[in-house]
């Protein structure tokens, strides 16, 4: 079975209150706030990998986590750091990497899959949108695959497994001829 590795989990965190970005940026050593360049504050929490984009509305975008558990750890720290009574956390996108053993037969995939875009002059991969799962895949000739557009690890697992089965059936059909 084709294994996958999560590369990035993107999440929205809502503090449900306004944030004084000038005040926080002056007190947090890992904060960067330049309102003439960008309306939000960039924030790193020591000991954690993700970067946070904090807006005065109390809405935060968390990028760079490699697991849902890491997002949850960030959310706990954010709640504490901004003294929020309660917060809402929503995973908005998971980006995962997988590798298909062998080369992906581009011609067959383009001909047999639906919802495929392949323009080798502009991008070296097939863009495949799997309507049933909601995933978007980038399929590279050398077997590398990027999966994006899903919000749960279980959904990524199912989508990657379904893609592998579909690729295997295309390859078997090619070998028959």
N, C-alpha and C. Protein backbone atom coordinates (compact mmCIF):
# COMPACT_ATOMS: atom_id res chain seq x y z
N UNK A 1 0.84 -1.19 0.00
CA UNK A 1 0.00 0.00 0.00
C UNK A 1 0.88 1.25 0.00
N UNK A 2 0.45 2.24 -0.74
CA UNK A 2 1.16 3.50 -0.84
C UNK A 2 1.00 4.28 0.47
N UNK A 3 2.12 4.60 1.09
CA UNK A 3 2.11 5.37 2.33
C UNK A 3 2.14 6.85 2.00
N UNK A 4 1.69 7.68 2.92
CA UNK A 4 1.75 9.11 2.73
C UNK A 4 2.31 9.77 3.99
N UNK A 5 2.83 10.98 3.80
CA UNK A 5 3.36 11.74 4.92
C UNK A 5 2.75 13.14 4.86
N UNK A 6 2.24 13.59 5.97
CA UNK A 6 1.66 14.94 6.03
C UNK A 6 2.78 15.96 6.02
N UNK A 7 2.68 16.92 5.11
CA UNK A 7 3.68 17.98 4.98
C UNK A 7 3.22 19.27 5.63
N UNK A 8 1.91 19.54 5.61
CA UNK A 8 1.41 20.81 6.13
C UNK A 8 -0.06 20.65 6.51
N UNK A 9 -0.38 21.13 7.70
CA UNK A 9 -1.77 21.21 8.12
C UNK A 9 -2.07 22.68 8.34
N UNK A 10 -3.07 23.17 7.63
CA UNK A 10 -3.46 24.58 7.73
C UNK A 10 -4.75 24.62 8.55
N UNK A 11 -4.78 25.56 9.51
CA UNK A 11 -5.96 25.66 10.37
C UNK A 11 -6.33 27.11 10.63
N UNK A 12 -7.61 27.31 10.93
CA UNK A 12 -8.10 28.62 11.38
C UNK A 12 -8.36 28.51 12.87
N UNK A 13 -7.92 29.51 13.60
CA UNK A 13 -8.20 29.59 15.03
C UNK A 13 -8.94 30.91 15.25
N UNK A 14 -10.05 30.84 15.96
CA UNK A 14 -10.82 32.04 16.25
C UNK A 14 -10.81 32.26 17.75
N UNK A 15 -10.24 33.39 18.18
CA UNK A 15 -10.18 33.73 19.61
C UNK A 15 -11.49 34.31 20.13
N UNK A 16 -12.38 34.67 19.22
CA UNK A 16 -13.68 35.26 19.56
C UNK A 16 -13.53 36.57 20.33
N UNK A 17 -12.47 37.30 20.05
CA UNK A 17 -12.30 38.63 20.64
C UNK A 17 -11.28 39.41 19.82
N UNK A 18 -11.32 40.71 19.95
CA UNK A 18 -10.39 41.59 19.24
C UNK A 18 -8.99 41.49 19.89
N UNK A 19 -7.96 41.72 19.09
CA UNK A 19 -6.57 41.65 19.55
C UNK A 19 -5.89 42.98 19.22
N UNK A 20 -5.18 43.53 20.19
CA UNK A 20 -4.38 44.74 19.96
C UNK A 20 -3.01 44.28 19.43
N UNK A 21 -2.85 44.31 18.13
CA UNK A 21 -1.62 43.80 17.52
C UNK A 21 -0.40 44.64 17.87
N UNK A 22 -0.55 45.93 18.03
CA UNK A 22 0.57 46.79 18.42
C UNK A 22 1.07 46.38 19.80
N UNK A 23 0.15 46.18 20.73
CA UNK A 23 0.52 45.79 22.09
C UNK A 23 1.22 44.43 22.10
N UNK A 24 0.60 43.45 21.47
CA UNK A 24 1.19 42.10 21.49
C UNK A 24 2.52 42.04 20.75
N UNK A 25 2.62 42.74 19.64
CA UNK A 25 3.88 42.69 18.88
C UNK A 25 5.02 43.33 19.65
N UNK A 26 4.71 44.28 20.53
CA UNK A 26 5.77 44.92 21.32
C UNK A 26 6.20 44.06 22.51
N UNK A 27 5.36 43.10 22.91
CA UNK A 27 5.67 42.26 24.07
C UNK A 27 6.12 40.84 23.71
N UNK A 28 5.89 40.44 22.49
CA UNK A 28 6.26 39.08 22.10
C UNK A 28 7.51 39.12 21.22
N UNK A 29 8.61 38.54 21.69
CA UNK A 29 9.87 38.63 20.93
C UNK A 29 9.84 37.94 19.57
N UNK A 30 8.95 36.98 19.37
CA UNK A 30 8.90 36.28 18.08
C UNK A 30 7.83 36.84 17.15
N UNK A 31 7.24 37.98 17.53
CA UNK A 31 6.19 38.59 16.71
C UNK A 31 6.79 39.62 15.76
N UNK A 32 6.21 39.67 14.56
CA UNK A 32 6.59 40.70 13.58
C UNK A 32 5.31 41.33 13.07
N UNK A 33 5.22 42.64 13.26
CA UNK A 33 4.02 43.35 12.82
C UNK A 33 4.43 44.62 12.10
N UNK A 34 4.13 44.64 10.80
CA UNK A 34 4.41 45.81 9.97
C UNK A 34 3.14 46.12 9.20
N UNK A 35 2.23 46.90 9.81
CA UNK A 35 0.92 47.13 9.21
C UNK A 35 0.94 47.82 7.85
N UNK A 36 2.02 48.49 7.52
CA UNK A 36 2.10 49.11 6.19
C UNK A 36 2.38 48.07 5.11
N UNK A 37 2.89 46.91 5.52
CA UNK A 37 3.21 45.84 4.57
C UNK A 37 2.13 44.76 4.55
N UNK A 38 1.63 44.40 5.74
CA UNK A 38 0.65 43.32 5.87
C UNK A 38 -0.23 43.62 7.08
N UNK A 39 -1.55 43.41 6.98
CA UNK A 39 -2.45 43.80 8.07
C UNK A 39 -2.42 42.89 9.29
N UNK A 40 -1.70 41.80 9.23
CA UNK A 40 -1.65 40.88 10.36
C UNK A 40 -0.26 40.80 10.96
N UNK A 41 -0.18 40.14 12.11
CA UNK A 41 1.07 39.95 12.82
C UNK A 41 1.54 38.51 12.58
N UNK A 42 2.80 38.36 12.22
CA UNK A 42 3.41 37.04 12.11
C UNK A 42 3.91 36.66 13.49
N UNK A 43 3.65 35.42 13.89
CA UNK A 43 4.04 34.99 15.23
C UNK A 43 4.53 33.55 15.19
N UNK A 44 5.64 33.32 15.83
CA UNK A 44 6.15 31.96 16.05
C UNK A 44 6.09 31.70 17.55
N UNK A 45 5.68 30.52 17.93
CA UNK A 45 5.65 30.14 19.34
C UNK A 45 6.89 29.29 19.59
N UNK A 46 7.75 29.72 20.51
CA UNK A 46 8.98 28.96 20.78
C UNK A 46 8.69 27.49 21.07
N UNK A 47 9.47 26.62 20.42
CA UNK A 47 9.32 25.19 20.61
C UNK A 47 8.33 24.53 19.67
N UNK A 48 7.61 25.33 18.90
CA UNK A 48 6.64 24.78 17.95
C UNK A 48 6.97 25.28 16.55
N UNK A 49 6.78 24.43 15.56
CA UNK A 49 7.17 24.74 14.18
C UNK A 49 6.25 25.71 13.44
N UNK A 50 4.93 25.62 13.61
CA UNK A 50 4.03 26.43 12.79
C UNK A 50 4.23 27.94 12.94
N UNK A 51 3.83 28.64 11.89
CA UNK A 51 3.80 30.09 11.89
C UNK A 51 2.34 30.51 11.97
N UNK A 52 2.09 31.57 12.72
CA UNK A 52 0.73 32.07 12.89
C UNK A 52 0.61 33.44 12.24
N UNK A 53 -0.50 33.65 11.57
CA UNK A 53 -0.86 34.97 11.06
C UNK A 53 -2.02 35.43 11.93
N UNK A 54 -1.77 36.42 12.78
CA UNK A 54 -2.74 36.88 13.76
C UNK A 54 -3.33 38.20 13.27
N UNK A 55 -4.66 38.28 13.25
CA UNK A 55 -5.34 39.49 12.81
C UNK A 55 -6.06 40.14 13.98
N UNK A 56 -6.27 41.44 13.88
CA UNK A 56 -6.88 42.19 14.98
C UNK A 56 -8.29 41.70 15.30
N UNK A 57 -8.94 41.06 14.37
CA UNK A 57 -10.28 40.49 14.58
C UNK A 57 -10.27 39.31 15.55
N UNK A 58 -9.07 38.81 15.88
CA UNK A 58 -8.96 37.63 16.72
C UNK A 58 -8.93 36.35 15.93
N UNK A 59 -8.90 36.49 14.61
CA UNK A 59 -8.80 35.30 13.76
C UNK A 59 -7.33 35.06 13.44
N UNK A 60 -6.95 33.79 13.45
CA UNK A 60 -5.56 33.38 13.27
C UNK A 60 -5.51 32.28 12.23
N UNK A 61 -4.51 32.34 11.36
CA UNK A 61 -4.25 31.26 10.42
C UNK A 61 -2.96 30.59 10.88
N UNK A 62 -3.02 29.29 11.04
CA UNK A 62 -1.86 28.50 11.46
C UNK A 62 -1.39 27.69 10.25
N UNK A 63 -0.12 27.88 9.87
CA UNK A 63 0.45 27.13 8.75
C UNK A 63 1.76 26.48 9.18
N UNK A 64 2.07 25.36 8.56
CA UNK A 64 3.35 24.71 8.81
C UNK A 64 3.33 23.58 9.82
N UNK A 65 2.17 23.25 10.35
CA UNK A 65 2.07 22.10 11.25
C UNK A 65 2.18 20.83 10.42
N UNK A 66 2.70 19.79 11.03
CA UNK A 66 2.81 18.52 10.31
C UNK A 66 1.89 17.43 10.87
N UNK A 67 0.99 17.85 11.78
CA UNK A 67 0.00 16.92 12.31
C UNK A 67 -1.14 17.71 12.94
N UNK A 68 -2.28 17.05 13.08
CA UNK A 68 -3.41 17.66 13.76
C UNK A 68 -3.07 17.90 15.22
N UNK A 69 -2.30 16.99 15.81
CA UNK A 69 -1.90 17.14 17.21
C UNK A 69 -1.05 18.40 17.40
N UNK A 70 -0.22 18.71 16.43
CA UNK A 70 0.60 19.92 16.51
C UNK A 70 -0.29 21.16 16.44
N UNK A 71 -1.32 21.13 15.62
CA UNK A 71 -2.28 22.24 15.56
C UNK A 71 -2.96 22.40 16.91
N UNK A 72 -3.34 21.29 17.53
CA UNK A 72 -3.99 21.34 18.84
C UNK A 72 -3.06 21.93 19.90
N UNK A 73 -1.78 21.57 19.85
CA UNK A 73 -0.79 22.13 20.79
C UNK A 73 -0.65 23.64 20.59
N UNK A 74 -0.62 24.07 19.33
CA UNK A 74 -0.55 25.50 19.02
C UNK A 74 -1.79 26.21 19.56
N UNK A 75 -2.95 25.62 19.34
CA UNK A 75 -4.21 26.22 19.79
C UNK A 75 -4.23 26.40 21.31
N UNK A 76 -3.73 25.42 22.04
CA UNK A 76 -3.68 25.54 23.50
C UNK A 76 -2.77 26.70 23.92
N UNK A 77 -1.61 26.82 23.25
CA UNK A 77 -0.68 27.91 23.56
C UNK A 77 -1.28 29.27 23.20
N UNK A 78 -1.97 29.32 22.07
CA UNK A 78 -2.60 30.57 21.63
C UNK A 78 -3.67 31.00 22.63
N UNK A 79 -4.47 30.05 23.08
CA UNK A 79 -5.52 30.36 24.05
C UNK A 79 -4.90 30.96 25.32
N UNK A 80 -3.82 30.37 25.76
CA UNK A 80 -3.12 30.84 26.96
C UNK A 80 -2.45 32.20 26.70
N UNK A 81 -1.76 32.34 25.61
CA UNK A 81 -1.01 33.55 25.28
C UNK A 81 -1.91 34.78 25.16
N UNK A 82 -3.09 34.60 24.55
CA UNK A 82 -4.00 35.72 24.33
C UNK A 82 -5.13 35.76 25.37
N UNK A 83 -5.01 34.95 26.41
CA UNK A 83 -6.00 34.93 27.50
C UNK A 83 -7.43 34.82 26.99
N UNK A 84 -7.64 33.90 26.10
CA UNK A 84 -8.97 33.70 25.53
C UNK A 84 -9.76 32.73 26.39
N UNK A 85 -11.04 33.04 26.58
CA UNK A 85 -11.89 32.15 27.36
C UNK A 85 -12.16 30.85 26.61
N UNK A 86 -12.44 30.98 25.33
CA UNK A 86 -12.66 29.80 24.50
C UNK A 86 -12.21 30.13 23.09
N UNK A 87 -11.89 29.11 22.34
CA UNK A 87 -11.44 29.31 20.97
C UNK A 87 -12.11 28.28 20.07
N UNK A 88 -12.15 28.58 18.79
CA UNK A 88 -12.62 27.62 17.79
C UNK A 88 -11.45 27.27 16.90
N UNK A 89 -11.26 26.00 16.62
CA UNK A 89 -10.18 25.54 15.76
C UNK A 89 -10.80 24.73 14.62
N UNK A 90 -10.39 25.06 13.39
CA UNK A 90 -10.91 24.34 12.23
C UNK A 90 -9.75 24.03 11.28
N UNK A 91 -9.56 22.76 10.98
CA UNK A 91 -8.58 22.36 9.97
C UNK A 91 -9.17 22.74 8.62
N UNK A 92 -8.42 23.49 7.81
CA UNK A 92 -8.95 23.92 6.51
C UNK A 92 -8.29 23.21 5.33
N UNK A 93 -7.10 22.64 5.54
CA UNK A 93 -6.43 21.95 4.44
C UNK A 93 -5.29 21.09 4.98
N UNK A 94 -5.14 19.93 4.41
CA UNK A 94 -4.00 19.06 4.71
C UNK A 94 -3.28 18.79 3.40
N UNK A 95 -1.98 18.99 3.41
CA UNK A 95 -1.15 18.69 2.25
C UNK A 95 -0.30 17.47 2.62
N UNK A 96 -0.38 16.44 1.79
CA UNK A 96 0.36 15.21 2.06
C UNK A 96 1.18 14.81 0.83
N UNK A 97 2.24 14.08 1.09
CA UNK A 97 3.15 13.60 0.05
C UNK A 97 3.10 12.08 0.05
N UNK A 98 3.07 11.49 -1.13
CA UNK A 98 3.12 10.04 -1.26
C UNK A 98 4.02 9.70 -2.43
N UNK A 99 4.39 8.43 -2.51
CA UNK A 99 5.22 7.99 -3.63
C UNK A 99 4.65 6.69 -4.18
N UNK A 100 4.34 6.72 -5.47
CA UNK A 100 3.85 5.53 -6.16
C UNK A 100 5.05 4.77 -6.68
N UNK A 101 5.11 3.48 -6.41
CA UNK A 101 6.24 2.67 -6.87
C UNK A 101 6.21 2.57 -8.39
N UNK A 102 7.27 3.04 -9.00
CA UNK A 102 7.35 3.02 -10.45
C UNK A 102 6.90 4.33 -11.06
N UNK A 103 7.00 4.37 -12.36
CA UNK A 103 6.60 5.59 -13.07
C UNK A 103 5.09 5.60 -13.30
N UNK A 104 4.54 6.79 -13.26
CA UNK A 104 3.11 6.95 -13.52
C UNK A 104 2.94 7.10 -15.03
N UNK A 105 2.13 6.24 -15.64
CA UNK A 105 1.94 6.29 -17.09
C UNK A 105 1.05 7.48 -17.48
N UNK A 106 1.68 8.60 -17.77
CA UNK A 106 0.94 9.84 -18.03
C UNK A 106 -0.10 9.71 -19.12
N UNK A 107 0.26 9.14 -20.26
CA UNK A 107 -0.68 9.05 -21.37
C UNK A 107 -1.95 8.30 -20.97
N UNK A 108 -1.78 7.19 -20.26
CA UNK A 108 -2.92 6.39 -19.86
C UNK A 108 -3.77 7.12 -18.81
N UNK A 109 -3.11 7.78 -17.87
CA UNK A 109 -3.85 8.51 -16.84
C UNK A 109 -4.66 9.63 -17.49
N UNK A 110 -4.04 10.37 -18.38
CA UNK A 110 -4.74 11.47 -19.06
C UNK A 110 -5.94 10.93 -19.84
N UNK A 111 -5.79 9.79 -20.47
CA UNK A 111 -6.88 9.23 -21.28
C UNK A 111 -7.97 8.54 -20.46
N UNK A 112 -7.63 7.96 -19.32
CA UNK A 112 -8.59 7.15 -18.58
C UNK A 112 -9.19 7.82 -17.35
N UNK A 113 -8.51 8.83 -16.79
CA UNK A 113 -9.05 9.53 -15.62
C UNK A 113 -9.92 10.69 -16.08
N UNK A 114 -10.94 11.01 -15.32
CA UNK A 114 -11.74 12.21 -15.54
C UNK A 114 -11.15 13.35 -14.71
N UNK A 115 -11.51 14.58 -15.03
CA UNK A 115 -11.08 15.75 -14.27
C UNK A 115 -9.56 15.87 -14.17
N UNK A 116 -8.91 15.78 -15.31
CA UNK A 116 -7.45 15.84 -15.39
C UNK A 116 -7.03 17.05 -16.20
N UNK A 117 -6.00 17.72 -15.71
CA UNK A 117 -5.37 18.79 -16.48
C UNK A 117 -3.91 18.41 -16.63
N UNK A 118 -3.43 18.43 -17.86
CA UNK A 118 -2.02 18.15 -18.10
C UNK A 118 -1.55 19.04 -19.23
N UNK A 119 -0.73 20.00 -18.88
CA UNK A 119 -0.14 20.92 -19.84
C UNK A 119 1.37 20.96 -19.57
N UNK A 120 2.11 20.02 -20.16
CA UNK A 120 3.53 19.88 -19.86
C UNK A 120 4.36 21.12 -20.17
N UNK A 121 3.86 21.98 -21.03
CA UNK A 121 4.61 23.20 -21.35
C UNK A 121 4.60 24.18 -20.18
N UNK A 122 3.59 24.09 -19.33
CA UNK A 122 3.48 25.04 -18.22
C UNK A 122 3.72 24.41 -16.85
N UNK A 123 3.48 23.10 -16.70
CA UNK A 123 3.66 22.44 -15.40
C UNK A 123 3.94 20.96 -15.63
N UNK A 124 4.96 20.40 -14.96
CA UNK A 124 5.39 19.03 -15.27
C UNK A 124 4.56 17.91 -14.66
N UNK A 125 3.44 18.24 -14.04
CA UNK A 125 2.64 17.20 -13.39
C UNK A 125 1.22 17.20 -13.93
N UNK A 126 0.56 16.06 -13.72
CA UNK A 126 -0.87 15.96 -14.00
C UNK A 126 -1.60 16.50 -12.77
N UNK A 127 -2.58 17.35 -13.00
CA UNK A 127 -3.45 17.80 -11.92
C UNK A 127 -4.72 16.98 -12.03
N UNK A 128 -5.00 16.21 -10.99
CA UNK A 128 -6.16 15.33 -11.01
C UNK A 128 -7.07 15.69 -9.84
N UNK A 129 -8.29 16.04 -10.15
CA UNK A 129 -9.28 16.36 -9.12
C UNK A 129 -10.21 15.15 -8.96
N UNK A 130 -10.12 14.54 -7.78
CA UNK A 130 -10.95 13.38 -7.48
C UNK A 130 -12.26 13.87 -6.89
N UNK A 131 -13.30 13.86 -7.70
CA UNK A 131 -14.59 14.41 -7.29
C UNK A 131 -15.16 13.65 -6.09
N UNK A 132 -14.98 12.34 -6.04
CA UNK A 132 -15.58 11.56 -4.96
C UNK A 132 -15.00 11.90 -3.59
N UNK A 133 -13.71 12.22 -3.51
CA UNK A 133 -13.10 12.53 -2.21
C UNK A 133 -12.95 14.03 -1.98
N UNK A 134 -12.92 14.80 -3.06
CA UNK A 134 -12.67 16.23 -2.93
C UNK A 134 -11.19 16.58 -2.96
N UNK A 135 -10.34 15.58 -3.12
CA UNK A 135 -8.89 15.79 -3.13
C UNK A 135 -8.43 16.28 -4.49
N UNK A 136 -7.36 17.05 -4.47
CA UNK A 136 -6.65 17.40 -5.69
C UNK A 136 -5.27 16.78 -5.59
N UNK A 137 -4.87 16.07 -6.64
CA UNK A 137 -3.58 15.40 -6.66
C UNK A 137 -2.69 16.02 -7.73
N UNK A 138 -1.42 16.14 -7.42
CA UNK A 138 -0.41 16.44 -8.42
C UNK A 138 0.36 15.15 -8.62
N UNK A 139 0.34 14.62 -9.83
CA UNK A 139 0.99 13.35 -10.14
C UNK A 139 2.22 13.64 -11.01
N UNK A 140 3.38 13.29 -10.51
CA UNK A 140 4.62 13.49 -11.25
C UNK A 140 5.05 12.17 -11.87
N UNK A 141 5.69 12.25 -13.01
CA UNK A 141 6.09 11.08 -13.78
C UNK A 141 6.94 10.10 -12.98
N UNK A 142 7.77 10.60 -12.06
CA UNK A 142 8.67 9.72 -11.30
C UNK A 142 7.97 9.03 -10.13
N UNK A 143 6.66 9.19 -10.00
CA UNK A 143 5.91 8.51 -8.95
C UNK A 143 5.58 9.39 -7.76
N UNK A 144 6.14 10.59 -7.70
CA UNK A 144 5.83 11.47 -6.58
C UNK A 144 4.42 12.02 -6.73
N UNK A 145 3.72 12.09 -5.60
CA UNK A 145 2.33 12.54 -5.58
C UNK A 145 2.14 13.52 -4.43
N UNK A 146 1.43 14.59 -4.71
CA UNK A 146 1.04 15.53 -3.67
C UNK A 146 -0.48 15.55 -3.62
N UNK A 147 -1.01 15.43 -2.42
CA UNK A 147 -2.46 15.42 -2.21
C UNK A 147 -2.82 16.65 -1.38
N UNK A 148 -3.83 17.38 -1.81
CA UNK A 148 -4.26 18.56 -1.08
C UNK A 148 -5.78 18.69 -1.16
N UNK A 149 -6.32 19.54 -0.29
CA UNK A 149 -7.74 19.85 -0.37
C UNK A 149 -8.62 19.13 0.63
N UNK A 150 -8.07 18.29 1.45
CA UNK A 150 -8.88 17.56 2.42
C UNK A 150 -8.65 18.10 3.83
N UNK A 151 -9.57 17.80 4.74
CA UNK A 151 -9.53 18.40 6.07
C UNK A 151 -9.33 17.39 7.20
N UNK A 152 -9.22 16.11 6.87
CA UNK A 152 -9.04 15.08 7.89
C UNK A 152 -8.03 14.04 7.39
N UNK A 153 -7.19 13.57 8.30
CA UNK A 153 -6.16 12.59 7.95
C UNK A 153 -6.80 11.32 7.40
N UNK A 154 -7.93 10.91 7.96
CA UNK A 154 -8.61 9.70 7.49
C UNK A 154 -9.04 9.87 6.03
N UNK A 155 -9.48 11.08 5.68
CA UNK A 155 -9.89 11.33 4.29
C UNK A 155 -8.71 11.28 3.34
N UNK A 156 -7.56 11.79 3.81
CA UNK A 156 -6.34 11.71 2.99
C UNK A 156 -5.99 10.24 2.76
N UNK A 157 -6.04 9.45 3.82
CA UNK A 157 -5.71 8.02 3.72
C UNK A 157 -6.62 7.33 2.71
N UNK A 158 -7.93 7.58 2.78
CA UNK A 158 -8.87 6.95 1.84
C UNK A 158 -8.62 7.41 0.41
N UNK A 159 -8.37 8.71 0.23
CA UNK A 159 -8.16 9.25 -1.12
C UNK A 159 -6.88 8.70 -1.74
N UNK A 160 -5.82 8.60 -0.96
CA UNK A 160 -4.55 8.07 -1.47
C UNK A 160 -4.71 6.60 -1.84
N UNK A 161 -5.42 5.86 -1.00
CA UNK A 161 -5.66 4.44 -1.29
C UNK A 161 -6.47 4.29 -2.58
N UNK A 162 -7.51 5.10 -2.73
CA UNK A 162 -8.34 5.02 -3.94
C UNK A 162 -7.53 5.40 -5.18
N UNK A 163 -6.67 6.40 -5.06
CA UNK A 163 -5.82 6.79 -6.20
C UNK A 163 -4.88 5.65 -6.57
N UNK A 164 -4.29 5.02 -5.57
CA UNK A 164 -3.38 3.90 -5.84
C UNK A 164 -4.11 2.78 -6.59
N UNK A 165 -5.31 2.46 -6.15
CA UNK A 165 -6.09 1.41 -6.82
C UNK A 165 -6.40 1.79 -8.27
N UNK A 166 -6.72 3.06 -8.47
CA UNK A 166 -7.03 3.54 -9.82
C UNK A 166 -5.79 3.48 -10.71
N UNK A 167 -4.63 3.90 -10.16
CA UNK A 167 -3.38 3.83 -10.94
C UNK A 167 -3.03 2.38 -11.26
N UNK A 168 -3.19 1.49 -10.27
CA UNK A 168 -2.90 0.07 -10.51
C UNK A 168 -3.78 -0.50 -11.61
N UNK A 169 -5.06 -0.12 -11.65
CA UNK A 169 -5.95 -0.65 -12.67
C UNK A 169 -5.57 -0.14 -14.05
N UNK A 170 -5.09 1.09 -14.14
CA UNK A 170 -4.64 1.65 -15.43
C UNK A 170 -3.40 0.91 -15.90
N UNK A 171 -2.47 0.65 -14.99
CA UNK A 171 -1.23 -0.05 -15.35
C UNK A 171 -1.53 -1.49 -15.76
N UNK A 172 -2.44 -2.16 -15.06
CA UNK A 172 -2.81 -3.52 -15.44
C UNK A 172 -3.44 -3.55 -16.83
N UNK A 173 -4.27 -2.55 -17.12
CA UNK A 173 -4.90 -2.48 -18.44
C UNK A 173 -3.85 -2.28 -19.53
N UNK A 174 -2.81 -1.50 -19.24
CA UNK A 174 -1.74 -1.25 -20.21
C UNK A 174 -0.94 -2.53 -20.43
N UNK A 175 -0.71 -3.31 -19.36
CA UNK A 175 0.09 -4.52 -19.48
C UNK A 175 -0.62 -5.60 -20.28
N UNK A 176 -1.95 -5.56 -20.33
CA UNK A 176 -2.72 -6.55 -21.07
C UNK A 176 -2.46 -6.40 -22.57
N UNK A 177 -2.26 -5.15 -23.02
CA UNK A 177 -2.05 -4.90 -24.45
C UNK A 177 -0.66 -5.19 -24.88
